[in-house]
Structures are given as C-alpha cells and as structure tokens.
N, C-alpha and C. Protein backbone atom coordinates (compact mmCIF):
# COMPACT_ATOMS: atom_id res chain seq x y z
N MET A 1 -10.84 22.32 -23.49
CA MET A 1 -10.35 22.06 -22.16
C MET A 1 -11.54 21.94 -21.21
N SER A 2 -11.59 20.85 -20.43
CA SER A 2 -12.71 20.60 -19.55
C SER A 2 -12.33 20.91 -18.11
N ASP A 3 -13.28 21.47 -17.38
CA ASP A 3 -13.08 21.74 -15.96
C ASP A 3 -13.63 20.61 -15.10
N ALA A 4 -14.11 19.54 -15.75
CA ALA A 4 -14.66 18.41 -15.00
C ALA A 4 -13.57 17.75 -14.18
N PRO A 5 -13.92 17.35 -12.95
CA PRO A 5 -12.90 16.69 -12.12
C PRO A 5 -12.47 15.36 -12.73
N LYS A 6 -11.21 15.07 -12.56
CA LYS A 6 -10.65 13.82 -13.06
C LYS A 6 -11.18 12.68 -12.19
N PRO A 7 -11.62 11.58 -12.78
CA PRO A 7 -12.11 10.47 -11.95
C PRO A 7 -10.96 9.87 -11.14
N PRO A 8 -11.29 9.36 -9.93
CA PRO A 8 -10.23 8.76 -9.11
C PRO A 8 -9.70 7.49 -9.76
N PRO A 9 -8.46 7.11 -9.45
CA PRO A 9 -7.92 5.86 -9.98
C PRO A 9 -8.79 4.70 -9.49
N LYS A 10 -8.79 3.62 -10.24
CA LYS A 10 -9.60 2.48 -9.83
C LYS A 10 -8.89 1.17 -10.10
N ILE A 11 -9.34 0.16 -9.37
CA ILE A 11 -8.93 -1.22 -9.59
C ILE A 11 -10.22 -1.98 -9.86
N SER A 12 -10.25 -2.69 -10.96
CA SER A 12 -11.47 -3.42 -11.32
C SER A 12 -11.30 -4.91 -11.04
N VAL A 13 -12.32 -5.48 -10.42
CA VAL A 13 -12.40 -6.91 -10.19
C VAL A 13 -13.74 -7.33 -10.77
N GLY A 14 -13.69 -7.84 -11.99
CA GLY A 14 -14.95 -8.17 -12.68
C GLY A 14 -15.78 -6.90 -12.84
N PRO A 15 -17.08 -6.97 -12.48
CA PRO A 15 -17.94 -5.79 -12.62
C PRO A 15 -17.82 -4.79 -11.47
N PHE A 16 -16.86 -4.99 -10.59
CA PHE A 16 -16.70 -4.13 -9.42
C PHE A 16 -15.50 -3.21 -9.63
N ASP A 17 -15.75 -1.91 -9.63
CA ASP A 17 -14.69 -0.91 -9.78
C ASP A 17 -14.43 -0.27 -8.41
N PHE A 18 -13.25 -0.57 -7.83
CA PHE A 18 -12.86 -0.03 -6.53
C PHE A 18 -12.12 1.27 -6.75
N THR A 19 -12.54 2.34 -6.04
CA THR A 19 -11.84 3.62 -6.06
C THR A 19 -11.52 4.01 -4.62
N SER A 20 -10.88 5.14 -4.44
CA SER A 20 -10.55 5.60 -3.09
C SER A 20 -11.77 6.05 -2.31
N VAL A 21 -12.89 6.22 -3.00
CA VAL A 21 -14.09 6.72 -2.32
C VAL A 21 -15.27 5.76 -2.38
N GLY A 22 -15.08 4.57 -2.93
CA GLY A 22 -16.18 3.62 -2.96
C GLY A 22 -16.04 2.59 -4.06
N VAL A 23 -17.11 1.83 -4.23
CA VAL A 23 -17.16 0.77 -5.25
C VAL A 23 -18.36 1.03 -6.15
N ARG A 24 -18.13 0.98 -7.44
CA ARG A 24 -19.22 1.05 -8.42
C ARG A 24 -19.39 -0.34 -9.00
N ILE A 25 -20.64 -0.75 -9.14
CA ILE A 25 -20.94 -2.09 -9.61
C ILE A 25 -21.69 -1.98 -10.93
N SER A 26 -21.15 -2.65 -11.96
CA SER A 26 -21.79 -2.65 -13.28
C SER A 26 -22.77 -3.82 -13.36
N GLY A 27 -23.97 -3.54 -13.81
CA GLY A 27 -24.95 -4.60 -13.98
C GLY A 27 -25.46 -5.14 -12.66
N LYS A 28 -25.92 -6.39 -12.70
CA LYS A 28 -26.45 -7.05 -11.50
C LYS A 28 -25.76 -8.40 -11.36
N PRO A 29 -24.51 -8.41 -10.87
CA PRO A 29 -23.80 -9.68 -10.74
C PRO A 29 -24.50 -10.62 -9.76
N ASP A 30 -24.43 -11.92 -10.05
CA ASP A 30 -25.04 -12.89 -9.14
C ASP A 30 -24.19 -12.99 -7.87
N MET A 31 -24.74 -13.67 -6.86
CA MET A 31 -24.07 -13.70 -5.55
C MET A 31 -22.68 -14.31 -5.63
N ALA A 32 -22.46 -15.30 -6.47
CA ALA A 32 -21.15 -15.93 -6.58
C ALA A 32 -20.08 -14.92 -7.02
N ALA A 33 -20.47 -13.93 -7.83
CA ALA A 33 -19.53 -12.93 -8.33
C ALA A 33 -19.06 -11.97 -7.23
N TRP A 34 -19.77 -11.91 -6.13
CA TRP A 34 -19.44 -10.98 -5.05
C TRP A 34 -18.33 -11.50 -4.14
N LYS A 35 -18.12 -12.81 -4.08
CA LYS A 35 -17.17 -13.39 -3.12
C LYS A 35 -15.75 -12.86 -3.31
N GLY A 36 -15.21 -12.94 -4.50
CA GLY A 36 -13.85 -12.48 -4.76
C GLY A 36 -13.64 -11.00 -4.44
N PRO A 37 -14.51 -10.12 -4.94
CA PRO A 37 -14.33 -8.70 -4.62
C PRO A 37 -14.45 -8.38 -3.13
N LEU A 38 -15.36 -9.06 -2.44
CA LEU A 38 -15.49 -8.81 -1.00
C LEU A 38 -14.24 -9.31 -0.27
N GLN A 39 -13.73 -10.48 -0.64
CA GLN A 39 -12.50 -10.98 -0.03
C GLN A 39 -11.33 -10.05 -0.33
N PHE A 40 -11.28 -9.51 -1.55
CA PHE A 40 -10.24 -8.55 -1.92
C PHE A 40 -10.29 -7.32 -1.01
N ALA A 41 -11.49 -6.78 -0.78
CA ALA A 41 -11.64 -5.58 0.06
C ALA A 41 -11.22 -5.88 1.50
N LEU A 42 -11.61 -7.03 2.02
CA LEU A 42 -11.23 -7.40 3.38
C LEU A 42 -9.71 -7.60 3.50
N TRP A 43 -9.13 -8.21 2.48
CA TRP A 43 -7.69 -8.43 2.44
C TRP A 43 -6.94 -7.10 2.42
N CYS A 44 -7.42 -6.16 1.61
CA CYS A 44 -6.78 -4.84 1.54
C CYS A 44 -6.85 -4.13 2.88
N GLN A 45 -7.98 -4.26 3.58
CA GLN A 45 -8.12 -3.61 4.87
C GLN A 45 -7.09 -4.15 5.85
N ARG A 46 -6.89 -5.46 5.88
CA ARG A 46 -5.93 -6.06 6.82
C ARG A 46 -4.49 -5.78 6.40
N ALA A 47 -4.23 -5.75 5.11
CA ALA A 47 -2.87 -5.58 4.61
C ALA A 47 -2.43 -4.11 4.57
N GLY A 48 -3.37 -3.20 4.50
CA GLY A 48 -3.06 -1.78 4.33
C GLY A 48 -2.04 -1.21 5.29
N PRO A 49 -2.20 -1.41 6.61
CA PRO A 49 -1.19 -0.85 7.53
C PRO A 49 0.22 -1.39 7.29
N TRP A 50 0.31 -2.68 6.92
CA TRP A 50 1.63 -3.26 6.61
C TRP A 50 2.21 -2.62 5.36
N TRP A 51 1.38 -2.49 4.33
CA TRP A 51 1.85 -1.88 3.08
C TRP A 51 2.37 -0.47 3.33
N ILE A 52 1.58 0.32 4.08
CA ILE A 52 1.98 1.70 4.35
C ILE A 52 3.29 1.73 5.15
N GLY A 53 3.36 0.93 6.21
CA GLY A 53 4.57 0.91 7.04
C GLY A 53 5.80 0.47 6.28
N ASP A 54 5.67 -0.61 5.50
CA ASP A 54 6.83 -1.10 4.74
C ASP A 54 7.26 -0.09 3.68
N LEU A 55 6.29 0.55 3.01
CA LEU A 55 6.64 1.57 2.00
C LEU A 55 7.31 2.77 2.65
N LEU A 56 6.79 3.21 3.79
CA LEU A 56 7.41 4.35 4.49
C LEU A 56 8.85 4.03 4.89
N ASN A 57 9.06 2.85 5.45
CA ASN A 57 10.41 2.49 5.89
C ASN A 57 11.37 2.36 4.72
N ALA A 58 10.95 1.69 3.66
CA ALA A 58 11.82 1.54 2.49
C ALA A 58 12.07 2.90 1.83
N GLY A 59 11.03 3.73 1.76
CA GLY A 59 11.20 5.06 1.18
C GLY A 59 12.14 5.93 1.98
N GLU A 60 12.02 5.87 3.32
CA GLU A 60 12.93 6.64 4.16
C GLU A 60 14.36 6.13 4.05
N ASP A 61 14.52 4.80 3.92
CA ASP A 61 15.86 4.24 3.72
C ASP A 61 16.48 4.77 2.44
N GLY A 62 15.66 4.90 1.40
CA GLY A 62 16.17 5.34 0.11
C GLY A 62 16.27 6.84 -0.07
N PHE A 63 15.36 7.59 0.56
CA PHE A 63 15.27 9.02 0.28
C PHE A 63 15.37 9.92 1.50
N GLY A 64 15.47 9.34 2.69
CA GLY A 64 15.57 10.14 3.90
C GLY A 64 14.21 10.42 4.53
N GLU A 65 14.27 11.14 5.67
CA GLU A 65 13.07 11.40 6.45
C GLU A 65 12.01 12.19 5.72
N THR A 66 12.38 12.98 4.75
CA THR A 66 11.40 13.79 4.04
C THR A 66 10.44 12.94 3.22
N PHE A 67 10.78 11.67 3.01
CA PHE A 67 9.91 10.78 2.24
C PHE A 67 8.51 10.70 2.83
N SER A 68 8.39 10.63 4.16
CA SER A 68 7.08 10.49 4.80
C SER A 68 6.19 11.70 4.58
N GLN A 69 6.76 12.82 4.14
CA GLN A 69 5.95 14.00 3.85
C GLN A 69 4.99 13.76 2.69
N MET A 70 5.25 12.73 1.90
CA MET A 70 4.33 12.39 0.80
C MET A 70 2.95 12.01 1.33
N CYS A 71 2.88 11.63 2.59
CA CYS A 71 1.62 11.20 3.20
C CYS A 71 0.87 12.34 3.87
N GLU A 72 1.46 13.52 3.94
CA GLU A 72 0.83 14.63 4.65
C GLU A 72 -0.57 14.87 4.12
N GLY A 73 -1.49 14.98 5.06
CA GLY A 73 -2.88 15.24 4.69
C GLY A 73 -3.69 13.97 4.43
N ALA A 74 -3.02 12.86 4.17
CA ALA A 74 -3.74 11.62 3.89
C ALA A 74 -4.12 10.91 5.19
N ILE A 75 -3.18 10.83 6.12
CA ILE A 75 -3.42 10.26 7.44
C ILE A 75 -2.63 11.07 8.45
N SER A 76 -2.96 10.92 9.72
CA SER A 76 -2.31 11.73 10.75
C SER A 76 -0.83 11.35 10.89
N PRO A 77 -0.02 12.31 11.31
CA PRO A 77 1.40 12.01 11.55
C PRO A 77 1.58 10.89 12.59
N GLU A 78 0.68 10.82 13.56
CA GLU A 78 0.76 9.76 14.57
C GLU A 78 0.61 8.39 13.93
N MET A 79 -0.36 8.25 13.01
CA MET A 79 -0.57 6.96 12.35
C MET A 79 0.58 6.63 11.41
N ILE A 80 1.11 7.63 10.73
CA ILE A 80 2.28 7.41 9.88
C ILE A 80 3.41 6.81 10.72
N ASN A 81 3.67 7.44 11.88
CA ASN A 81 4.74 6.96 12.76
C ASN A 81 4.43 5.56 13.30
N ARG A 82 3.17 5.32 13.63
CA ARG A 82 2.80 4.02 14.19
C ARG A 82 2.95 2.91 13.16
N TYR A 83 2.43 3.15 11.94
CA TYR A 83 2.57 2.14 10.88
C TYR A 83 4.04 1.83 10.61
N ALA A 84 4.84 2.87 10.50
CA ALA A 84 6.27 2.69 10.21
C ALA A 84 6.97 1.96 11.36
N SER A 85 6.65 2.33 12.58
CA SER A 85 7.31 1.72 13.74
C SER A 85 6.99 0.24 13.86
N VAL A 86 5.73 -0.14 13.74
CA VAL A 86 5.36 -1.55 13.87
C VAL A 86 5.96 -2.36 12.72
N ALA A 87 5.91 -1.82 11.51
CA ALA A 87 6.49 -2.53 10.36
C ALA A 87 7.99 -2.69 10.52
N ARG A 88 8.66 -1.70 11.09
CA ARG A 88 10.11 -1.77 11.30
C ARG A 88 10.45 -2.79 12.39
N ARG A 89 9.66 -2.81 13.45
CA ARG A 89 9.97 -3.66 14.60
C ARG A 89 9.55 -5.12 14.43
N VAL A 90 8.50 -5.35 13.64
CA VAL A 90 8.02 -6.72 13.45
C VAL A 90 8.41 -7.16 12.03
N PRO A 91 9.48 -7.93 11.90
CA PRO A 91 9.92 -8.33 10.57
C PRO A 91 8.87 -9.22 9.88
N ILE A 92 8.88 -9.18 8.58
CA ILE A 92 7.85 -9.87 7.80
C ILE A 92 7.76 -11.36 8.15
N GLN A 93 8.88 -11.98 8.51
CA GLN A 93 8.85 -13.40 8.85
C GLN A 93 8.14 -13.66 10.18
N ASN A 94 7.91 -12.63 10.99
CA ASN A 94 7.18 -12.79 12.25
C ASN A 94 5.70 -12.42 12.13
N ARG A 95 5.27 -11.99 10.98
CA ARG A 95 3.89 -11.56 10.80
C ARG A 95 3.00 -12.75 10.45
N LEU A 96 1.91 -12.87 11.18
CA LEU A 96 0.95 -13.95 10.92
C LEU A 96 -0.31 -13.37 10.31
N ALA A 97 -0.70 -13.87 9.15
CA ALA A 97 -1.90 -13.38 8.47
C ALA A 97 -3.15 -13.59 9.32
N SER A 98 -3.12 -14.59 10.20
CA SER A 98 -4.28 -14.89 11.04
C SER A 98 -4.45 -13.88 12.17
N GLN A 99 -3.44 -13.07 12.43
CA GLN A 99 -3.49 -12.09 13.51
C GLN A 99 -3.62 -10.68 12.95
N SER A 100 -4.34 -9.83 13.64
CA SER A 100 -4.57 -8.46 13.20
C SER A 100 -3.29 -7.63 13.32
N TRP A 101 -3.31 -6.49 12.65
CA TRP A 101 -2.19 -5.56 12.76
C TRP A 101 -2.05 -5.10 14.20
N SER A 102 -3.19 -4.90 14.89
CA SER A 102 -3.15 -4.47 16.29
C SER A 102 -2.47 -5.51 17.18
N ALA A 103 -2.66 -6.79 16.88
CA ALA A 103 -1.98 -7.83 17.64
C ALA A 103 -0.47 -7.72 17.44
N HIS A 104 -0.07 -7.44 16.22
CA HIS A 104 1.36 -7.28 15.94
C HIS A 104 1.91 -6.03 16.64
N ALA A 105 1.11 -4.97 16.70
CA ALA A 105 1.53 -3.77 17.41
C ALA A 105 1.75 -4.08 18.89
N ALA A 106 0.95 -5.00 19.43
CA ALA A 106 1.06 -5.37 20.84
C ALA A 106 2.39 -6.06 21.15
N VAL A 107 2.97 -6.75 20.18
CA VAL A 107 4.23 -7.47 20.41
C VAL A 107 5.44 -6.75 19.85
N ALA A 108 5.25 -5.60 19.25
CA ALA A 108 6.33 -4.92 18.52
C ALA A 108 7.54 -4.60 19.39
N ARG A 109 7.36 -4.39 20.68
CA ARG A 109 8.50 -4.03 21.54
C ARG A 109 9.29 -5.24 22.00
N LEU A 110 8.79 -6.43 21.73
CA LEU A 110 9.49 -7.64 22.14
C LEU A 110 10.58 -8.01 21.14
N GLU A 111 11.52 -8.82 21.59
CA GLU A 111 12.55 -9.38 20.72
C GLU A 111 11.87 -10.33 19.73
N GLY A 112 12.47 -10.50 18.56
CA GLY A 112 11.87 -11.24 17.45
C GLY A 112 11.28 -12.60 17.76
N SER A 113 12.03 -13.48 18.42
CA SER A 113 11.49 -14.82 18.68
C SER A 113 10.33 -14.77 19.67
N LEU A 114 10.36 -13.81 20.59
CA LEU A 114 9.25 -13.64 21.53
C LEU A 114 8.00 -13.12 20.82
N GLN A 115 8.19 -12.25 19.84
CA GLN A 115 7.06 -11.76 19.05
C GLN A 115 6.29 -12.94 18.47
N LEU A 116 7.03 -13.80 17.81
CA LEU A 116 6.42 -14.94 17.14
C LEU A 116 5.78 -15.89 18.16
N ARG A 117 6.44 -16.10 19.27
CA ARG A 117 5.89 -16.99 20.29
C ARG A 117 4.55 -16.46 20.81
N PHE A 118 4.50 -15.15 21.12
CA PHE A 118 3.25 -14.56 21.61
C PHE A 118 2.16 -14.56 20.54
N LEU A 119 2.52 -14.25 19.30
CA LEU A 119 1.51 -14.26 18.23
C LEU A 119 0.94 -15.65 18.01
N LYS A 120 1.79 -16.66 18.02
CA LYS A 120 1.32 -18.04 17.84
C LYS A 120 0.44 -18.47 19.01
N LYS A 121 0.82 -18.07 20.22
CA LYS A 121 0.02 -18.41 21.40
C LYS A 121 -1.34 -17.71 21.32
N ALA A 122 -1.37 -16.46 20.90
CA ALA A 122 -2.62 -15.73 20.74
C ALA A 122 -3.51 -16.42 19.72
N ASP A 123 -2.89 -16.90 18.65
CA ASP A 123 -3.62 -17.61 17.60
C ASP A 123 -4.23 -18.89 18.16
N LYS A 124 -3.42 -19.65 18.87
CA LYS A 124 -3.85 -20.94 19.42
C LYS A 124 -4.94 -20.76 20.49
N GLU A 125 -4.77 -19.75 21.35
CA GLU A 125 -5.69 -19.53 22.47
C GLU A 125 -6.90 -18.66 22.11
N GLY A 126 -6.87 -18.05 20.92
CA GLY A 126 -7.99 -17.20 20.51
C GLY A 126 -8.04 -15.86 21.22
N TRP A 127 -6.87 -15.35 21.64
CA TRP A 127 -6.83 -14.07 22.34
C TRP A 127 -7.17 -12.92 21.39
N SER A 128 -7.87 -11.92 21.89
CA SER A 128 -8.07 -10.68 21.14
C SER A 128 -6.77 -9.90 21.18
N SER A 129 -6.67 -8.86 20.35
CA SER A 129 -5.45 -8.05 20.38
C SER A 129 -5.30 -7.35 21.72
N GLU A 130 -6.41 -7.01 22.37
CA GLU A 130 -6.35 -6.38 23.69
C GLU A 130 -5.85 -7.37 24.74
N GLU A 131 -6.34 -8.61 24.68
CA GLU A 131 -5.84 -9.64 25.61
C GLU A 131 -4.35 -9.87 25.40
N LEU A 132 -3.93 -9.90 24.16
CA LEU A 132 -2.51 -10.08 23.86
C LEU A 132 -1.70 -8.91 24.39
N ARG A 133 -2.19 -7.70 24.21
CA ARG A 133 -1.49 -6.51 24.71
C ARG A 133 -1.29 -6.60 26.22
N VAL A 134 -2.32 -7.02 26.94
CA VAL A 134 -2.23 -7.15 28.40
C VAL A 134 -1.21 -8.23 28.78
N LYS A 135 -1.23 -9.36 28.08
CA LYS A 135 -0.29 -10.45 28.39
C LYS A 135 1.15 -10.02 28.12
N VAL A 136 1.37 -9.28 27.03
CA VAL A 136 2.71 -8.78 26.72
C VAL A 136 3.15 -7.77 27.78
N ARG A 137 2.25 -6.88 28.16
CA ARG A 137 2.57 -5.88 29.19
C ARG A 137 2.94 -6.59 30.50
N ASP A 138 2.16 -7.59 30.90
CA ASP A 138 2.44 -8.34 32.13
C ASP A 138 3.79 -9.05 32.03
N TYR A 139 4.06 -9.64 30.87
CA TYR A 139 5.35 -10.32 30.67
C TYR A 139 6.51 -9.34 30.81
N MET A 140 6.37 -8.17 30.20
CA MET A 140 7.44 -7.17 30.24
C MET A 140 7.66 -6.67 31.68
N ARG A 141 6.59 -6.54 32.44
CA ARG A 141 6.73 -6.13 33.84
C ARG A 141 7.44 -7.19 34.66
N ARG A 142 7.08 -8.46 34.45
CA ARG A 142 7.73 -9.57 35.17
C ARG A 142 9.20 -9.65 34.78
N ASP A 143 9.47 -9.52 33.48
CA ASP A 143 10.83 -9.64 32.97
C ASP A 143 11.71 -8.49 33.46
N ALA A 144 11.13 -7.30 33.59
CA ALA A 144 11.89 -6.13 34.02
C ALA A 144 12.12 -6.13 35.53
N GLY A 145 11.23 -6.83 36.27
CA GLY A 145 11.29 -6.80 37.73
C GLY A 145 12.23 -7.78 38.34
C-alpha cells in the first residue's frame, strides 16, 4: 500500500498533458504542435463558465438545490450562483461564441430577443463587455422611465 498522492486526472492532446494544476509537455514538440493545445486551453477558458452554469442548472433540475453543494470549496458560492444565473437566463441559442461570458452576463436581465440584439450589436460595433453593460443599463433606465 502506497501513501503517494494520486496523480490528478488529465486530458492529453498529443505530447501535452493537461491537469487541474498545469500542463506537462513530453519531449520538445515543434511550434506547429503547440497550436491545437493552446487553442484547446483558450477554448476551455471561455467555455468553462457556461459548462459550470449549465451543469449546475441541469443538476438542480434533476436532484434539487443540494446538487450545487458538490462545488463547495472549488469556487465561491457567489460565482456558483452567478454562473447558474447567467446560464439560466441566457438560453444557448442566444449565446455568441464571439462574445465573452461577461458580455452575456451584461444582457442576462433582458428578454431573449433583446439579449441577442445587444450581443450582435456589441459584436458588430466592437464593444467591450463593460461598454455593453453600460448600454444595457442605459436602455433599461430609458425603458423603465
């Protein structure tokens, strides 16, 4: 029986082993070999909040509110709630891969067709997520007034 710690789970992309704490690289891959793994890491970073939110919502639908307790200690309760809320409010058909998760959070309180309209406008105009947040806030103030 060994007391050695169990290695973390990994996903391998060629000579690149991705774990929860880093990447180990076997050998000396040429520069062309780096493109796919780097794109994979960037894709995971952008997709992660959506994955977490969608899993939390589906898990809570199936198992109740206690499902989110599986995340305790991994991320703050505030972020758990935020990921779940944005994923619940912004349906997958309104999500644009070209826009950040923060941009989607900025439109989450809007009705569905307005979400998409603002996201597309942000894409076309090159707005940052902060600029989009301000425009949505201004729109909501005008609409409420």
